[in-house]
Protein backbone atom coordinates (compact mmCIF):
# COMPACT_ATOMS: atom_id res chain seq x y z
CA UNK A 1 -84.10 -184.89 -89.09
CA UNK A 2 -87.38 -183.50 -87.87
CA UNK A 3 -87.44 -185.88 -84.95
CA UNK A 4 -83.93 -185.04 -84.01
CA UNK A 5 -84.67 -181.17 -83.89
CA UNK A 6 -87.68 -181.84 -81.85
CA UNK A 7 -85.92 -183.99 -79.22
CA UNK A 8 -83.02 -181.35 -79.07
CA UNK A 9 -85.95 -178.63 -78.28
CA UNK A 10 -87.44 -180.88 -75.84
CA UNK A 11 -84.16 -181.23 -73.87
CA UNK A 12 -83.52 -177.37 -74.00
CA UNK A 13 -87.02 -176.71 -72.60
CA UNK A 14 -86.81 -179.20 -69.82
CA UNK A 15 -83.54 -177.82 -68.63
CA UNK A 16 -84.63 -174.18 -69.22
CA UNK A 17 -87.26 -174.33 -66.46
CA UNK A 18 -84.60 -174.17 -63.76
CA UNK A 19 -81.30 -173.21 -65.39
CA UNK A 20 -79.38 -169.91 -65.29
CA UNK A 21 -76.89 -168.40 -67.55
CA UNK A 22 -73.49 -169.82 -66.58
CA UNK A 23 -71.72 -166.49 -67.19
CA UNK A 24 -69.13 -167.99 -69.50
CA UNK A 25 -70.54 -166.41 -72.64
CA UNK A 26 -71.17 -162.85 -73.30
CA UNK A 27 -74.63 -162.20 -74.61
CA UNK A 28 -76.06 -158.83 -75.50
CA UNK A 29 -79.60 -160.06 -75.03
CA UNK A 30 -79.16 -161.25 -71.41
CA UNK A 31 -76.93 -158.12 -70.35
CA UNK A 32 -79.37 -155.89 -71.96
CA UNK A 33 -82.06 -156.96 -69.15
CA UNK A 34 -79.63 -156.35 -66.47
CA UNK A 35 -78.72 -152.84 -67.90
CA UNK A 36 -82.33 -151.99 -68.32
CA UNK A 37 -82.87 -152.52 -64.56
CA UNK A 38 -80.08 -150.30 -63.84
CA UNK A 39 -81.57 -147.62 -66.31
CA UNK A 40 -84.81 -147.77 -64.43
CA UNK A 41 -83.32 -147.79 -61.04
CA UNK A 42 -79.84 -146.27 -61.04
CA UNK A 43 -77.49 -148.06 -58.71
CA UNK A 44 -73.96 -146.52 -57.77
CA UNK A 45 -72.51 -150.05 -57.22
CA UNK A 46 -73.32 -151.27 -60.86
CA UNK A 47 -70.38 -150.83 -63.31
CA UNK A 48 -71.80 -151.37 -66.80
CA UNK A 49 -68.29 -151.44 -68.52
CA UNK A 50 -67.41 -154.81 -67.05
CA UNK A 51 -69.18 -157.66 -68.98
CA UNK A 52 -70.59 -160.16 -68.98
CA UNK A 53 -72.72 -159.15 -66.04
CA UNK A 54 -72.91 -162.85 -65.04
CA UNK A 55 -69.29 -162.79 -63.82
CA UNK A 56 -68.24 -159.07 -63.56
CA UNK A 57 -66.30 -159.29 -60.49
CA UNK A 58 -67.93 -161.75 -58.15
CA UNK A 59 -71.50 -162.34 -56.83
CA UNK A 60 -73.38 -160.65 -54.04
CA UNK A 61 -73.26 -163.19 -51.10
CA UNK A 62 -75.79 -161.15 -49.14
CA UNK A 63 -78.42 -162.15 -51.66
CA UNK A 64 -77.58 -165.80 -51.77
CA UNK A 65 -80.59 -167.78 -50.55
CA UNK A 66 -80.22 -170.72 -48.19
CA UNK A 67 -81.30 -173.13 -50.90
CA UNK A 68 -78.70 -171.84 -53.14
CA UNK A 69 -76.00 -172.33 -50.80
CA UNK A 70 -75.17 -175.62 -52.37
CA UNK A 71 -76.29 -175.72 -56.12
CA UNK A 72 -75.85 -178.06 -58.97
CA UNK A 73 -77.14 -177.38 -62.46
CA UNK A 74 -76.67 -178.95 -65.92
CA UNK A 75 -77.38 -176.51 -68.71
CA UNK A 76 -77.76 -177.46 -72.32
CA UNK A 77 -75.58 -175.43 -74.82
CA UNK A 78 -76.68 -175.23 -78.37
CA UNK A 79 -76.37 -173.49 -81.74
CA UNK A 80 -77.93 -175.19 -84.85
CA UNK A 81 -77.77 -172.73 -87.65
CA UNK A 82 -78.37 -173.14 -91.33
CA UNK A 83 -77.62 -170.43 -93.78
CA UNK A 84 -77.75 -169.72 -97.48
CA UNK A 85 -76.04 -166.70 -99.20
CA UNK A 86 -77.10 -165.68 -102.89
CA UNK A 87 -74.66 -163.65 -105.16
CA UNK A 88 -73.59 -165.14 -108.52
CA UNK A 89 -74.37 -168.54 -107.05
CA UNK A 90 -76.05 -170.08 -104.04
CA UNK A 91 -73.63 -171.08 -101.23
CA UNK A 92 -75.10 -172.96 -98.10
CA UNK A 93 -73.36 -172.96 -94.59
CA UNK A 94 -74.25 -175.05 -91.68
CA UNK A 95 -73.26 -174.91 -87.92
CA UNK A 96 -73.98 -177.48 -85.37
CA UNK A 97 -72.40 -176.83 -81.94
CA UNK A 98 -73.80 -178.65 -79.04
CA UNK A 99 -72.51 -179.25 -75.33
CA UNK A 100 -73.22 -179.18 -71.64
CA UNK A 101 -72.72 -176.36 -69.26
CA UNK A 102 -72.09 -177.26 -65.43
CA UNK A 103 -72.93 -174.84 -62.60
CA UNK A 104 -71.89 -175.66 -59.20
CA UNK A 105 -71.87 -173.37 -55.90
CA UNK A 106 -70.13 -174.37 -52.81
CA UNK A 107 -71.42 -172.31 -49.97
CA UNK A 108 -71.40 -168.61 -50.23
CA UNK A 109 -67.74 -168.18 -51.39
CA UNK A 110 -67.16 -170.69 -54.15
CA UNK A 111 -68.63 -171.16 -57.65
CA UNK A 112 -67.49 -173.30 -60.72
CA UNK A 113 -68.91 -173.07 -64.15
CA UNK A 114 -67.79 -175.42 -66.93
CA UNK A 115 -68.62 -175.84 -70.62
CA UNK A 116 -67.96 -178.72 -72.84
CA UNK A 117 -68.44 -178.03 -76.45
CA UNK A 118 -68.11 -179.75 -79.75
CA UNK A 119 -69.41 -179.71 -83.33
CA UNK A 120 -68.66 -178.60 -86.90
CA UNK A 121 -69.15 -175.59 -89.00
CA UNK A 122 -69.21 -175.12 -92.73
CA UNK A 123 -68.95 -171.56 -93.34
CA UNK A 124 -71.01 -169.88 -95.95
CA UNK A 125 -69.29 -166.45 -95.44
CA UNK A 126 -65.80 -165.33 -96.23
CA UNK A 127 -63.12 -166.04 -93.63
CA UNK A 128 -59.95 -164.14 -93.34
CA UNK A 129 -57.06 -166.04 -94.68
CA UNK A 130 -55.07 -165.65 -91.46
CA UNK A 131 -57.65 -167.87 -89.55
CA UNK A 132 -58.36 -170.12 -92.44
CA UNK A 133 -54.67 -171.16 -92.80
CA UNK A 134 -54.22 -171.49 -89.14
CA UNK A 135 -57.29 -173.71 -88.81
CA UNK A 136 -59.11 -171.30 -86.51
CA UNK A 137 -62.87 -171.40 -85.96
CA UNK A 138 -63.28 -167.64 -85.18
CA UNK A 139 -64.74 -167.03 -81.80
CA UNK A 140 -64.23 -170.62 -80.67
CA UNK A 141 -60.62 -171.65 -81.10
CA UNK A 142 -58.39 -174.11 -83.03
CA UNK A 143 -60.17 -176.57 -85.20
CA UNK A 144 -59.55 -179.40 -87.57
CA UNK A 145 -60.12 -178.22 -91.20
CA UNK A 146 -61.20 -180.35 -94.23
CA UNK A 147 -61.90 -177.79 -97.07
CA UNK A 148 -64.55 -175.43 -95.79
CA UNK A 149 -65.56 -177.79 -92.95
CA UNK A 150 -64.35 -177.11 -89.47
CA UNK A 151 -64.66 -179.61 -86.53
CA UNK A 152 -63.70 -178.80 -82.99
CA UNK A 153 -64.25 -179.57 -79.27
CA UNK A 154 -63.35 -177.39 -76.36
CA UNK A 155 -63.61 -176.94 -72.61
CA UNK A 156 -64.17 -173.45 -71.03
CA UNK A 157 -64.67 -172.74 -67.45
CA UNK A 158 -64.01 -170.55 -64.44
CA UNK A 159 -63.53 -170.99 -60.84
CA UNK A 160 -64.33 -168.10 -58.53
CA UNK A 161 -63.80 -167.33 -54.86
CA UNK A 162 -65.55 -164.61 -53.32
CA UNK A 163 -63.23 -163.60 -50.34
CA UNK A 164 -65.35 -160.92 -49.02
CA UNK A 165 -67.54 -157.95 -49.99
CA UNK A 166 -64.48 -156.26 -51.49
CA UNK A 167 -62.42 -158.83 -53.21
CA UNK A 168 -62.95 -161.82 -55.64
CA UNK A 169 -60.49 -164.08 -57.31
CA UNK A 170 -61.31 -165.95 -60.55
CA UNK A 171 -59.23 -168.41 -62.76
CA UNK A 172 -60.50 -170.09 -65.96
CA UNK A 173 -60.62 -170.08 -69.78
CA UNK A 174 -63.17 -167.67 -71.27
CA UNK A 175 -63.69 -164.16 -72.92
CA UNK A 176 -63.99 -160.67 -71.43
CA UNK A 177 -65.57 -157.45 -72.66
CA UNK A 178 -64.67 -154.04 -71.28
CA UNK A 179 -66.92 -151.09 -72.46
CA UNK A 180 -70.45 -149.99 -72.97
CA UNK A 181 -70.66 -150.33 -76.63
CA UNK A 182 -71.69 -152.76 -79.20
CA UNK A 183 -67.86 -152.90 -79.99
CA UNK A 184 -64.92 -152.31 -77.61
CA UNK A 185 -61.63 -150.64 -78.42
CA UNK A 186 -60.30 -151.85 -75.23
CA UNK A 187 -61.12 -155.64 -75.01
CA UNK A 188 -63.93 -157.39 -76.87
CA UNK A 189 -65.31 -161.06 -77.16
CA UNK A 190 -64.48 -161.33 -80.85
CA UNK A 191 -61.34 -163.55 -80.29
CA UNK A 192 -61.41 -167.21 -78.99
CA UNK A 193 -61.37 -167.99 -75.23
CA UNK A 194 -57.99 -167.81 -73.44
CA UNK A 195 -56.73 -168.91 -69.96
CA UNK A 196 -56.72 -166.11 -67.44
CA UNK A 197 -56.39 -164.99 -63.70
CA UNK A 198 -58.72 -162.32 -62.70
CA UNK A 199 -58.81 -160.35 -59.39
CA UNK A 200 -61.71 -157.73 -58.74
CA UNK A 201 -61.69 -155.30 -56.10
CA UNK A 202 -64.63 -153.18 -55.15
CA UNK A 203 -64.34 -150.31 -52.63
CA UNK A 204 -66.54 -147.28 -52.33
CA UNK A 205 -67.73 -146.38 -55.77
CA UNK A 206 -64.69 -147.94 -57.58
CA UNK A 207 -64.29 -151.33 -59.25
CA UNK A 208 -60.68 -152.27 -60.06
CA UNK A 209 -60.03 -155.21 -62.30
CA UNK A 210 -56.67 -156.99 -62.80
CA UNK A 211 -56.65 -159.54 -65.75
CA UNK A 212 -53.60 -161.61 -66.39
CA UNK A 213 -54.01 -163.82 -69.51
CA UNK A 214 -52.22 -166.16 -71.74
CA UNK A 215 -52.62 -165.91 -75.59
CA UNK A 216 -50.92 -166.95 -78.74
CA UNK A 217 -49.65 -165.20 -81.74
CA UNK A 218 -47.46 -165.62 -84.86
CA UNK A 219 -44.13 -164.05 -86.00
CA UNK A 220 -45.39 -164.69 -89.54
CA UNK A 221 -49.20 -164.79 -89.45
CA UNK A 222 -49.69 -166.68 -92.61
CA UNK A 223 -48.29 -169.82 -91.01
CA UNK A 224 -50.27 -172.91 -89.89
CA UNK A 225 -51.28 -174.28 -86.54
CA UNK A 226 -47.80 -175.11 -85.24
CA UNK A 227 -46.61 -171.43 -85.96
CA UNK A 228 -48.26 -170.18 -82.95
CA UNK A 229 -46.08 -168.83 -79.99
CA UNK A 230 -47.01 -168.05 -76.46
CA UNK A 231 -47.61 -164.35 -75.34
CA UNK A 232 -49.14 -162.77 -72.21
CA UNK A 233 -51.18 -159.75 -71.41
CA UNK A 234 -51.48 -158.00 -68.17
CA UNK A 235 -54.68 -155.68 -68.04
CA UNK A 236 -56.33 -153.54 -65.48
CA UNK A 237 -59.51 -151.43 -65.66
CA UNK A 238 -60.40 -148.86 -62.97
CA UNK A 239 -64.00 -147.98 -63.19
CA UNK A 240 -65.20 -144.95 -61.06
CA UNK A 241 -68.95 -144.19 -60.48
CA UNK A 242 -68.64 -140.63 -59.81
CA UNK A 243 -72.33 -140.58 -59.35
CA UNK A 244 -75.45 -142.87 -60.23
CA UNK A 245 -75.38 -141.54 -63.77
CA UNK A 246 -71.67 -140.57 -64.59
CA UNK A 247 -68.81 -143.12 -64.97
CA UNK A 248 -65.20 -142.83 -65.90
CA UNK A 249 -62.73 -145.79 -66.67
CA UNK A 250 -59.00 -145.78 -66.91
CA UNK A 251 -57.77 -148.79 -68.96
CA UNK A 252 -54.15 -150.20 -69.44
CA UNK A 253 -52.81 -153.38 -71.08
CA UNK A 254 -49.55 -154.59 -71.96
CA UNK A 255 -48.57 -157.63 -74.30
CA UNK A 256 -45.37 -159.32 -74.24
CA UNK A 257 -44.08 -162.57 -76.09
CA UNK A 258 -42.87 -165.48 -73.98
CA UNK A 259 -39.68 -165.96 -75.96
CA UNK A 260 -37.60 -163.70 -78.01
CA UNK A 261 -34.08 -163.66 -79.58
CA UNK A 262 -32.58 -162.50 -76.20
CA UNK A 263 -34.41 -164.58 -73.53
CA UNK A 264 -37.03 -167.06 -72.61
CA UNK A 265 -39.16 -164.70 -70.45
CA UNK A 266 -42.49 -166.60 -70.19
CA UNK A 267 -44.69 -164.93 -67.64
CA UNK A 268 -42.78 -161.71 -66.44
CA UNK A 269 -43.37 -161.22 -62.69
CA UNK A 270 -42.73 -157.49 -63.14
CA UNK A 271 -46.32 -157.10 -64.39
CA UNK A 272 -47.80 -158.73 -61.45
CA UNK A 273 -47.82 -155.26 -59.65
CA UNK A 274 -51.52 -154.70 -59.28
CA UNK A 275 -51.64 -151.05 -58.54
CA UNK A 276 -49.44 -149.14 -60.93
CA UNK A 277 -49.32 -148.11 -64.39
CA UNK A 278 -47.45 -150.61 -66.47
CA UNK A 279 -45.70 -148.23 -68.82
CA UNK A 280 -43.00 -147.30 -66.17
CA UNK A 281 -42.53 -150.91 -65.41
CA UNK A 282 -41.83 -151.58 -69.12
CA UNK A 283 -39.23 -149.08 -69.46
CA UNK A 284 -37.55 -150.02 -66.03
CA UNK A 285 -37.34 -153.67 -67.09
CA UNK A 286 -35.59 -152.55 -70.45
CA UNK A 287 -38.19 -154.23 -72.68
CA UNK A 288 -40.07 -152.97 -75.81
CA UNK A 289 -43.48 -154.53 -74.99
CA UNK A 290 -46.79 -153.48 -76.46
CA UNK A 291 -48.74 -151.14 -74.10
CA UNK A 292 -52.06 -149.61 -74.93
CA UNK A 293 -53.89 -147.20 -72.62
CA UNK A 294 -57.33 -145.86 -72.63
CA UNK A 295 -60.06 -143.57 -71.24
CA UNK A 296 -63.65 -144.62 -71.14
CA UNK A 297 -66.80 -142.20 -70.20
CA UNK A 298 -70.40 -142.94 -69.94
CA UNK A 299 -73.36 -140.74 -68.93
CA UNK A 300 -76.85 -142.13 -67.90
CA UNK A 301 -79.37 -139.65 -69.09
CA UNK A 302 -81.91 -141.23 -66.81
CA UNK A 303 -84.44 -142.56 -67.54
CA UNK A 304 -84.16 -142.98 -71.08
CA UNK A 305 -80.56 -143.58 -72.65
CA UNK A 306 -76.93 -143.71 -71.98
CA UNK A 307 -74.16 -141.66 -73.80
CA UNK A 308 -70.65 -143.39 -73.99
CA UNK A 309 -67.38 -143.48 -75.51
CA UNK A 310 -63.67 -144.65 -75.63
CA UNK A 311 -60.43 -143.49 -76.74
CA UNK A 312 -57.47 -146.07 -76.84
CA UNK A 313 -53.74 -145.00 -77.42
CA UNK A 314 -51.24 -147.40 -78.63
CA UNK A 315 -48.59 -144.58 -79.17
CA UNK A 316 -49.22 -140.79 -79.40
CA UNK A 317 -47.08 -137.71 -79.80
CA UNK A 318 -49.00 -134.41 -79.13
CA UNK A 319 -46.81 -132.25 -81.26
CA UNK A 320 -47.28 -134.32 -84.36
CA UNK A 321 -51.07 -134.51 -83.67
CA UNK A 322 -51.27 -130.63 -83.35
CA UNK A 323 -49.33 -130.07 -86.53
CA UNK A 324 -51.52 -132.46 -88.47
CA UNK A 325 -48.52 -134.22 -90.01
CA UNK A 326 -50.27 -137.70 -90.48
CA UNK A 327 -47.33 -139.29 -88.38
CA UNK A 328 -47.54 -143.10 -88.77
CA UNK A 329 -46.90 -143.51 -85.04
CA UNK A 330 -49.88 -141.60 -83.87
CA UNK A 331 -51.89 -144.88 -83.46
CA UNK A 332 -55.23 -144.38 -81.58
CA UNK A 333 -58.92 -145.17 -81.74
CA UNK A 334 -62.04 -143.41 -80.74
CA UNK A 335 -65.60 -144.71 -80.00
CA UNK A 336 -68.88 -142.75 -79.37
CA UNK A 337 -72.36 -144.08 -78.97
CA UNK A 338 -75.70 -143.70 -77.55
CA UNK A 339 -78.22 -146.42 -76.41
CA UNK A 340 -81.46 -146.74 -74.70
CA UNK A 341 -85.13 -146.37 -75.04
CA UNK A 342 -85.76 -143.13 -77.05
CA UNK A 343 -89.68 -143.02 -77.35
CA UNK A 344 -91.85 -143.17 -74.17
CA UNK A 345 -94.74 -144.42 -76.39
CA UNK A 346 -92.60 -147.54 -77.32
CA UNK A 347 -91.11 -148.78 -74.12
CA UNK A 348 -89.96 -152.07 -75.49
CA UNK A 349 -88.12 -150.35 -78.41
CA UNK A 350 -84.24 -150.31 -77.66
CA UNK A 351 -82.03 -148.36 -80.01
CA UNK A 352 -78.27 -147.94 -80.20
CA UNK A 353 -76.15 -145.72 -82.49
CA UNK A 354 -72.22 -146.14 -82.57
CA UNK A 355 -69.25 -145.06 -84.42
CA UNK A 356 -65.73 -146.35 -84.27
CA UNK A 357 -62.72 -144.91 -85.81
CA UNK A 358 -59.26 -146.27 -85.70
CA UNK A 359 -56.17 -145.01 -87.23
CA UNK A 360 -53.59 -147.17 -89.28
CA UNK A 361 -50.96 -149.17 -87.45
CA UNK A 362 -53.07 -149.28 -84.21
CA UNK A 363 -52.90 -152.58 -82.10
CA UNK A 364 -49.95 -153.73 -84.19
CA UNK A 365 -46.15 -154.02 -82.96
CA UNK A 366 -42.76 -154.22 -84.21
CA UNK A 367 -42.90 -158.05 -83.48
CA UNK A 368 -46.02 -159.38 -84.84
CA UNK A 369 -46.18 -161.80 -81.93
CA UNK A 370 -47.02 -158.93 -79.72
CA UNK A 371 -49.89 -157.44 -81.74
CA UNK A 372 -53.00 -157.05 -79.74
CA UNK A 373 -54.46 -160.47 -80.92
CA UNK A 374 -55.09 -163.95 -79.93
CA UNK A 375 -55.09 -166.89 -82.34
CA UNK A 376 -54.98 -164.61 -85.48
CA UNK A 377 -58.20 -162.68 -84.18
CA UNK A 378 -58.16 -159.25 -82.95
CA UNK A 379 -58.65 -158.68 -79.17
CA UNK A 380 -60.34 -155.17 -79.71
CA UNK A 381 -62.27 -154.35 -82.76
CA UNK A 382 -62.91 -157.00 -85.37
CA UNK A 383 -61.68 -154.72 -88.18
CA UNK A 384 -58.34 -154.11 -86.53
CA UNK A 385 -56.99 -150.89 -87.71
CA UNK A 386 -57.29 -148.28 -90.65
CA UNK A 387 -61.12 -148.02 -90.61
CA UNK A 388 -64.16 -146.17 -89.77
CA UNK A 389 -67.35 -147.85 -88.83
CA UNK A 390 -71.08 -146.51 -88.24
CA UNK A 391 -73.97 -148.64 -87.09
CA UNK A 392 -77.58 -148.26 -85.95
CA UNK A 393 -79.38 -150.94 -84.01
CA UNK A 394 -83.04 -151.39 -83.11
CA UNK A 395 -84.61 -154.10 -81.15
CA UNK A 396 -88.41 -154.33 -80.46
CA UNK A 397 -89.86 -156.85 -78.05
CA UNK A 398 -93.50 -158.33 -77.50
CA UNK A 399 -93.64 -160.68 -74.70
CA UNK A 400 -91.85 -163.96 -76.17
CA UNK A 401 -91.17 -162.38 -79.61
CA UNK A 402 -88.34 -160.10 -80.78
CA UNK A 403 -87.36 -158.25 -84.03
CA UNK A 404 -84.03 -156.89 -84.38
CA UNK A 405 -82.42 -154.93 -87.17
CA UNK A 406 -79.03 -153.44 -87.78
CA UNK A 407 -77.66 -151.06 -90.42
CA UNK A 408 -73.93 -150.52 -90.78
CA UNK A 409 -71.29 -148.84 -92.99
CA UNK A 410 -67.59 -149.89 -92.83
CA UNK A 411 -64.76 -148.16 -94.72
CA UNK A 412 -61.36 -149.84 -94.35
CA UNK A 413 -58.02 -149.61 -95.99
CA UNK A 414 -55.99 -152.62 -96.73
CA UNK A 415 -52.44 -152.95 -97.57
CA UNK A 416 -51.69 -153.33 -101.25
CA UNK A 417 -48.79 -154.11 -103.54
CA UNK A 418 -46.69 -155.18 -100.57
CA UNK A 419 -46.68 -151.71 -99.23
CA UNK A 420 -46.98 -151.37 -95.26
CA UNK A 421 -49.94 -148.94 -95.02
CA UNK A 422 -51.19 -149.92 -91.43
CA UNK A 423 -54.31 -152.09 -92.54
CA UNK A 424 -52.86 -155.22 -91.12
CA UNK A 425 -52.41 -155.61 -87.40
CA UNK A 426 -50.63 -158.90 -87.72
CA UNK A 427 -47.90 -157.38 -89.72
CA UNK A 428 -44.91 -155.42 -88.10
CA UNK A 429 -45.19 -151.80 -88.03
CA UNK A 430 -41.57 -151.47 -88.74
CA UNK A 431 -40.75 -149.79 -92.34
CA UNK A 432 -44.00 -147.94 -93.00
CA UNK A 433 -44.61 -146.96 -96.53
CA UNK A 434 -44.98 -143.37 -95.45
CA UNK A 435 -43.74 -141.70 -92.12
CA UNK A 436 -46.04 -138.85 -92.69
CA UNK A 437 -49.51 -138.06 -94.42
CA UNK A 438 -51.08 -141.28 -93.37
CA UNK A 439 -54.91 -141.12 -93.35
CA UNK A 440 -57.61 -143.36 -92.33
CA UNK A 441 -58.68 -145.64 -95.27
CA UNK A 442 -55.34 -145.40 -97.15
CA UNK A 443 -54.40 -148.32 -99.25
CA UNK A 444 -56.95 -150.38 -101.10
CA UNK A 445 -60.06 -148.82 -99.96
CA UNK A 446 -63.15 -151.22 -99.30
CA UNK A 447 -66.65 -150.14 -98.38
CA UNK A 448 -69.23 -152.43 -96.89
CA UNK A 449 -72.86 -151.63 -96.42
CA UNK A 450 -74.83 -154.04 -94.63
CA UNK A 451 -78.50 -154.45 -93.30
CA UNK A 452 -79.82 -157.14 -91.30
CA UNK A 453 -83.19 -158.25 -89.86
CA UNK A 454 -83.72 -161.09 -87.25
CA UNK A 455 -87.11 -162.33 -86.05
CA UNK A 456 -87.01 -164.46 -82.96
CA UNK A 457 -89.43 -166.60 -80.94
CA UNK A 458 -87.88 -166.71 -77.33
CA UNK A 459 -88.45 -169.97 -75.45
CA UNK A 460 -86.52 -169.06 -72.35
CA UNK A 461 -85.53 -165.50 -71.46
CA UNK A 462 -83.00 -166.47 -68.64
CA UNK A 463 -80.66 -168.32 -70.98
CA UNK A 464 -81.93 -166.74 -74.30
CA UNK A 465 -83.03 -169.92 -75.78
CA UNK A 466 -84.53 -168.96 -79.10
CA UNK A 467 -85.61 -169.98 -82.61
CA UNK A 468 -84.48 -167.28 -84.93
CA UNK A 469 -84.94 -166.45 -88.45
CA UNK A 470 -82.71 -163.85 -90.18
CA UNK A 471 -82.04 -161.99 -93.58
CA UNK A 472 -79.13 -160.07 -94.55
CA UNK A 473 -78.06 -157.68 -97.32
CA UNK A 474 -74.42 -156.82 -97.90
CA UNK A 475 -72.93 -154.58 -100.59
CA UNK A 476 -69.23 -154.50 -101.18
CA UNK A 477 -67.83 -151.55 -102.99
CA UNK A 478 -65.07 -149.02 -102.82
CA UNK A 479 -62.01 -149.95 -104.90
CA UNK A 480 -63.02 -153.50 -104.78
CA UNK A 481 -65.33 -155.20 -107.37
CA UNK A 482 -69.00 -154.37 -106.43
CA UNK A 483 -71.01 -157.26 -105.00
CA UNK A 484 -74.24 -157.67 -103.66
CA UNK A 485 -75.03 -160.57 -101.32
CA UNK A 486 -78.53 -161.66 -99.94
CA UNK A 487 -78.62 -164.26 -97.18
CA UNK A 488 -81.03 -166.31 -95.02
CA UNK A 489 -80.34 -167.90 -91.74
CA UNK A 490 -82.33 -170.24 -89.55
CA UNK A 491 -80.97 -170.89 -85.92
CA UNK A 492 -81.82 -172.62 -82.82
CA UNK A 493 -79.71 -171.30 -79.96
CA UNK A 494 -79.25 -171.50 -76.29
CA UNK A 495 -76.81 -170.02 -73.93
CA UNK A 496 -73.89 -169.46 -76.43
CA UNK A 497 -74.00 -165.72 -76.89
CA UNK A 498 -76.35 -163.56 -79.12
CA UNK A 499 -74.71 -164.77 -82.40
CA UNK A 500 -75.02 -161.14 -84.07
CA UNK A 501 -71.36 -160.00 -84.00
């Protein structure tokens, strides 16, 4: 076993000397370095809300060196993790995911990234029954399940064409993230990869993204793998850098199922219109599709930190909000946060504090297929709806070493006794238990306190290749039975994301 691990590390180091991140995987550690460059030298052309920065709307052809006009690179992808959790007994978990990434550049206009992945995961942590029964390995996709062992293989990729300095076109299968926070209430990387077409337009201080994607949902989310049905989303985000330090984002997405009791719609061409808000299109086409709109803001308090926030509306009636009736149909979520380097005496210390609050029934729909989900995983916040979350993150770096800690508190309300209380986004919102007096955390109230500490030896900064040792402490309380869990984790990772979410 020791020889095998040393062989893997040797291969990683050999490839690391010349490889770059393919841009297929969203990685906080890699994106943070790009964001810090912007923090030090504000650039009005940089839009931090569109991640990963490795493929946020094309590449700058003016900076391509002659030697890079035609480029071919093979990149190792690796996640070897062993973990142990201790509560009443000791439970071990292992994850071994390996693969190869292929990066090709053809001239100054075309680029291709591919990633072939395979492996297994034996989970030590608790998995939601909706993903377990459907044989989903969270964050990766469909897998074969044998008791608590998941095996899978998958191909992700993207083909990008940079038409000119204003337009880029991209087709592939990957994840996307919209926002400046650790979480996103618009679109996050929590769910598995999905096929998509993306069009990015950059004009003046504006970055306008159109994203058309193909996902899958269930009418009855407790079903097995064969119960998934096709659905589609059409999303756009308009990001406007009003100045070098102030940004505003307008977000909208609409979800519809490929087939219902009335018709076999598949991809609805009405939503190909790239320049208008989709809500009027939805009404004009006589549909009852799921529409979500949002507003994002960020302010760079240069040169130290950034203030940011999001508000997402699934449905909203101002009169009910003013009267504080707790109407079930007022479905929205709010995020607020700050991140940066607060102490001039500790320039390598990065800190982030964030709060996320989402009301009951948000992201759900009358038809569960049209909930804001993919393969039984939320496309926004992992907790779905009916929750409050607070967290603080700190990262300290010394050359090739890093210590990262996170403290978090989550309060969530689950549906109980068969009553529809808005805590399950995979359930139809029809027939709510109460039309009024709905509050966040209603139902079976669960509270989770968590503390995590990770120490890393970074072998390659560009691709975030690291050996990582972690400790976690979780306490589950509220109306659930109190439980304390201690966990240890040892990982060797390369290019597959940061592994913290």
